[in-house]
Amino acid sequence: MRVLVVYDSVYGNTEQIARAIGGAIANDAKIFHVKEVEPSGLKGIDLLIIGAPTQGGRPTPAMQDFLKKVSEPDIRGMNVATFDTRISAKWVGIFGYAAGRIARSLKKKGGNLLLNPEPFFVEGTRGPLKEGEL
């Protein structure tokens, strides 16, 4: 199974989660920072996992740009999953979260969302990850 994990990370927390997910799913999973992947190069992937930190209720600008460039023909029918890192303050939920927005973008283009977007929690804006998240 060809697995690709694409992430953006500001303080390193989301990268830690991306590497843990990739390592747990398949020994040969490819794990790349969003700036290292061309959206047109997704053909042939069996499972695409995308994650980003939540900033203002959205994924990072780099991830938003990547998602805009992913074409419908390249993602249609592909199995996808999403995750984000976020703080657990109640007021944050007012704006939404990165993983949900990423999931909606991929589903709109025909991706097959395998499970609900997954949150991972950090201690404050810069982290570190809360105990047990990794």
Protein backbone atom coordinates (compact mmCIF):
# COMPACT_ATOMS: atom_id res chain seq x y z
CA MET A 1 0.00 0.00 0.00
CA ARG A 2 1.41 3.39 -0.98
CA VAL A 3 0.86 5.87 1.84
CA LEU A 4 1.70 9.56 1.66
CA VAL A 5 1.59 11.84 4.71
CA VAL A 6 1.72 15.56 3.88
CA TYR A 7 2.02 18.04 6.73
CA ASP A 8 2.80 21.62 7.57
CA SER A 9 4.26 22.51 10.93
CA VAL A 10 5.09 25.84 12.53
CA TYR A 11 6.64 24.78 15.85
CA GLY A 12 7.39 21.12 15.10
CA ASN A 13 4.38 19.60 16.86
CA THR A 14 2.45 18.69 13.71
CA GLU A 15 5.60 17.24 12.16
CA GLN A 16 6.01 14.93 15.17
CA ILE A 17 2.44 13.70 14.76
CA ALA A 18 2.87 13.24 10.98
CA ARG A 19 6.00 11.13 11.48
CA ALA A 20 4.33 9.04 14.18
CA ILE A 21 1.29 8.40 11.97
CA GLY A 22 3.40 7.50 8.95
CA GLY A 23 5.56 5.16 11.00
CA ALA A 24 2.57 3.44 12.58
CA ILE A 25 0.70 2.86 9.33
CA ALA A 26 3.40 1.49 7.03
CA ASN A 27 7.17 1.10 7.13
CA ASP A 28 7.43 2.52 3.65
CA ALA A 29 5.07 5.48 4.14
CA LYS A 30 6.40 8.66 2.58
CA ILE A 31 6.26 11.68 4.88
CA PHE A 32 6.79 15.13 3.39
CA HIS A 33 6.49 18.75 4.38
CA VAL A 34 3.83 20.44 2.26
CA LYS A 35 6.46 22.50 0.43
CA GLU A 36 8.20 19.31 -0.74
CA VAL A 37 5.16 17.86 -2.55
CA GLU A 38 3.70 18.80 -5.89
CA PRO A 39 -0.10 18.55 -5.82
CA SER A 40 0.00 17.08 -9.32
CA GLY A 41 2.13 14.16 -8.06
CA LEU A 42 -0.58 12.41 -6.05
CA LYS A 43 -1.56 9.81 -8.64
CA GLY A 44 -1.00 6.24 -7.54
CA ILE A 45 -1.30 6.94 -3.82
CA ASP A 46 -3.51 4.44 -1.95
CA LEU A 47 -3.87 6.55 1.20
CA LEU A 48 -3.26 10.28 1.54
CA ILE A 49 -3.07 11.72 5.04
CA ILE A 50 -2.88 15.49 5.43
CA GLY A 51 -2.30 17.47 8.61
CA ALA A 52 -1.64 21.03 9.69
CA PRO A 53 -1.76 23.17 12.79
CA THR A 54 -4.96 25.11 13.35
CA GLN A 55 -4.38 28.83 12.98
CA GLY A 56 -7.40 31.10 13.22
CA GLY A 57 -9.68 28.13 12.58
CA ARG A 58 -7.85 27.21 9.38
CA PRO A 59 -4.85 25.27 8.14
CA THR A 60 -1.68 27.25 7.54
CA PRO A 61 -1.46 29.39 4.38
CA ALA A 62 1.00 26.91 2.84
CA MET A 63 -1.46 24.05 3.33
CA GLN A 64 -4.36 26.12 2.01
CA ASP A 65 -2.31 26.86 -1.11
CA PHE A 66 -1.49 23.16 -1.56
CA LEU A 67 -5.16 22.18 -1.23
CA LYS A 68 -6.21 24.77 -3.83
CA LYS A 69 -3.74 23.20 -6.28
CA VAL A 70 -4.89 19.60 -5.75
CA SER A 71 -6.98 18.75 -8.79
CA GLU A 72 -10.21 16.79 -8.70
CA PRO A 73 -8.99 14.13 -11.18
CA ASP A 74 -5.89 13.47 -9.04
CA ILE A 75 -7.84 12.95 -5.79
CA ARG A 76 -11.15 11.44 -6.96
CA GLY A 77 -11.68 8.05 -5.31
CA MET A 78 -8.46 8.25 -3.27
CA ASN A 79 -8.64 7.21 0.38
CA VAL A 80 -7.89 10.22 2.57
CA ALA A 81 -7.61 11.12 6.23
CA THR A 82 -6.87 14.39 8.01
CA PHE A 83 -5.50 15.61 11.32
CA ASP A 84 -4.53 18.82 13.03
CA THR A 85 -2.83 20.14 16.11
CA ARG A 86 -4.75 22.58 18.26
CA ILE A 87 -5.09 24.03 21.70
CA SER A 88 -7.97 22.79 23.82
CA ALA A 89 -9.45 26.16 24.86
CA LYS A 90 -13.24 26.25 24.38
CA TRP A 91 -13.21 29.54 22.46
CA VAL A 92 -11.04 27.99 19.72
CA GLY A 93 -13.97 25.88 18.52
CA ILE A 94 -15.87 29.00 17.53
CA PHE A 95 -13.62 29.39 14.48
CA GLY A 96 -13.35 25.73 13.54
CA TYR A 97 -10.29 23.56 13.04
CA ALA A 98 -7.80 22.82 10.31
CA ALA A 99 -8.53 19.09 9.98
CA GLY A 100 -12.21 19.62 9.24
CA ARG A 101 -11.50 22.20 6.59
CA ILE A 102 -8.87 19.98 4.98
CA ALA A 103 -11.33 17.06 4.99
CA ARG A 104 -14.08 19.15 3.37
CA SER A 105 -11.69 20.29 0.65
CA LEU A 106 -10.60 16.73 -0.14
CA LYS A 107 -14.17 15.35 -0.07
CA LYS A 108 -15.38 18.16 -2.35
CA LYS A 109 -12.79 17.03 -4.91
CA GLY A 110 -13.88 13.40 -4.66
CA GLY A 111 -11.61 12.02 -1.93
CA ASN A 112 -12.92 9.08 0.10
CA LEU A 113 -12.69 10.22 3.75
CA LEU A 114 -11.93 7.08 5.78
CA LEU A 115 -12.57 8.52 9.24
CA ASN A 116 -13.46 11.73 10.99
CA PRO A 117 -10.76 14.40 11.16
CA GLU A 118 -8.47 13.66 14.09
CA PRO A 119 -7.31 16.32 16.59
CA PHE A 120 -4.05 16.27 18.54
CA PHE A 121 -3.67 18.75 21.39
CA VAL A 122 -0.80 21.04 22.30
CA GLU A 123 -0.01 22.99 25.46
CA GLY A 124 -0.39 26.60 24.31
CA THR A 125 0.36 28.09 20.92
CA ARG A 126 3.89 26.74 20.56
CA GLY A 127 3.36 23.42 22.27
CA PRO A 128 4.70 21.05 23.28
CA LEU A 129 2.22 18.28 22.55
CA LYS A 130 0.08 17.36 25.52
CA GLU A 131 1.13 14.22 27.32
CA GLY A 132 -0.07 11.09 25.54
CA GLU A 133 -0.77 12.74 22.18
CA LEU A 134 2.24 11.30 20.41
